[in-house]
Amino acid sequence: MFRHVLKYRALSTCTGYTLHVESGKTYLLRIINAALNDELFFKIAGHKLTVVEADASYVKPFETDTIFMSPGQTTNVLLPLTKLLANT
């Protein structure tokens, strides 16, 4: 099993969030746009996301590489890690 590190870095800050993950697994991410007046684009470079829920309602799953979220919106996505990436 290869271990990877996904790093999330907000453009407006110097610090980020690091999530330790394993290849071959699929992770459920619950993404919330807690902003008051700003839209959010969410993407993980080199990976596809499968949207399975939006605003507490199940949706027909679809694959995308970028998610657009309005203020207050919530989205659940599946992140399959089948691609091997070098740890950075």
Protein backbone atom coordinates (compact mmCIF):
# COMPACT_ATOMS: atom_id res chain seq x y z
CA MET A 1 0.00 0.00 0.00
CA PHE A 2 1.33 3.38 -0.96
CA ARG A 3 0.57 6.28 1.35
CA HIS A 4 -0.08 9.73 -0.03
CA VAL A 5 -0.57 13.13 1.46
CA LEU A 6 -3.23 15.46 0.08
CA LYS A 7 -2.52 19.05 0.93
CA TYR A 8 -5.22 21.70 0.80
CA ARG A 9 -4.09 25.29 0.72
CA ALA A 10 -6.44 28.22 0.64
CA LEU A 11 -5.31 30.95 -1.70
CA SER A 12 -5.78 33.64 0.93
CA THR A 13 -3.68 32.03 3.67
CA CYS A 14 -0.17 30.67 4.07
CA THR A 15 -1.19 27.56 6.01
CA GLY A 16 -3.05 24.54 4.74
CA TYR A 17 -4.69 21.31 5.79
CA THR A 18 -2.95 17.96 5.27
CA LEU A 19 -4.94 14.73 4.95
CA HIS A 20 -2.99 11.45 5.02
CA VAL A 21 -4.58 8.95 2.64
CA GLU A 22 -3.87 5.53 1.09
CA SER A 23 -4.02 4.61 -2.58
CA GLY A 24 -6.72 2.14 -3.56
CA LYS A 25 -9.21 3.57 -1.08
CA THR A 26 -12.18 5.85 -1.70
CA TYR A 27 -12.82 8.74 0.67
CA LEU A 28 -16.08 10.60 1.32
CA LEU A 29 -15.53 14.35 1.59
CA ARG A 30 -18.25 16.56 3.06
CA ILE A 31 -17.61 20.03 1.72
CA ILE A 32 -19.35 23.11 3.13
CA ASN A 33 -19.10 26.66 1.83
CA ALA A 34 -19.37 28.57 5.09
CA ALA A 35 -18.75 31.93 3.42
CA LEU A 36 -21.38 34.64 3.70
CA ASN A 37 -21.07 36.30 0.29
CA ASP A 38 -18.45 34.37 -1.68
CA GLU A 39 -18.72 31.44 -4.05
CA LEU A 40 -16.25 28.58 -3.72
CA PHE A 41 -14.50 26.47 -6.35
CA PHE A 42 -13.16 23.17 -4.99
CA LYS A 43 -10.70 20.95 -6.86
CA ILE A 44 -7.99 18.42 -6.06
CA ALA A 45 -5.32 18.50 -8.75
CA GLY A 46 -5.03 15.29 -10.73
CA HIS A 47 -8.18 13.70 -9.30
CA LYS A 48 -11.83 13.31 -10.30
CA LEU A 49 -14.62 13.77 -7.75
CA THR A 50 -17.95 11.93 -7.83
CA VAL A 51 -20.80 14.08 -6.48
CA VAL A 52 -23.32 11.96 -4.53
CA GLU A 53 -25.23 14.55 -2.49
CA ALA A 54 -26.00 18.26 -2.67
CA ASP A 55 -27.75 20.27 0.04
CA ALA A 56 -28.93 17.19 1.98
CA SER A 57 -30.47 15.55 -1.11
CA TYR A 58 -29.08 12.54 -2.90
CA VAL A 59 -28.33 13.12 -6.57
CA LYS A 60 -27.62 10.81 -9.46
CA PRO A 61 -23.84 10.41 -9.07
CA PHE A 62 -21.78 12.28 -11.63
CA GLU A 63 -18.05 12.75 -12.08
CA THR A 64 -16.34 16.13 -12.26
CA ASP A 65 -12.96 17.68 -11.55
CA THR A 66 -14.24 20.98 -10.10
CA ILE A 67 -17.15 21.82 -7.80
CA PHE A 68 -18.79 25.26 -7.67
CA MET A 69 -20.57 26.04 -4.40
CA SER A 70 -22.74 29.00 -3.45
CA PRO A 71 -22.71 30.44 0.09
CA GLY A 72 -24.20 27.99 2.58
CA GLN A 73 -24.23 25.08 0.13
CA THR A 74 -23.09 21.60 1.17
CA THR A 75 -21.88 18.80 -1.09
CA ASN A 76 -20.71 15.23 -0.46
CA VAL A 77 -18.23 13.80 -2.94
CA LEU A 78 -16.37 10.52 -3.31
CA LEU A 79 -12.63 10.77 -3.92
CA PRO A 80 -11.22 7.50 -5.31
CA LEU A 81 -7.43 7.32 -4.99
CA THR A 82 -6.36 5.02 -7.79
CA LYS A 83 -3.63 7.28 -9.15
CA LEU A 84 -0.16 7.07 -7.62
CA LEU A 85 1.29 10.47 -6.84
CA ALA A 86 4.60 11.37 -5.26
CA ASN A 87 4.41 12.73 -1.72
CA THR A 88 5.01 16.46 -1.65
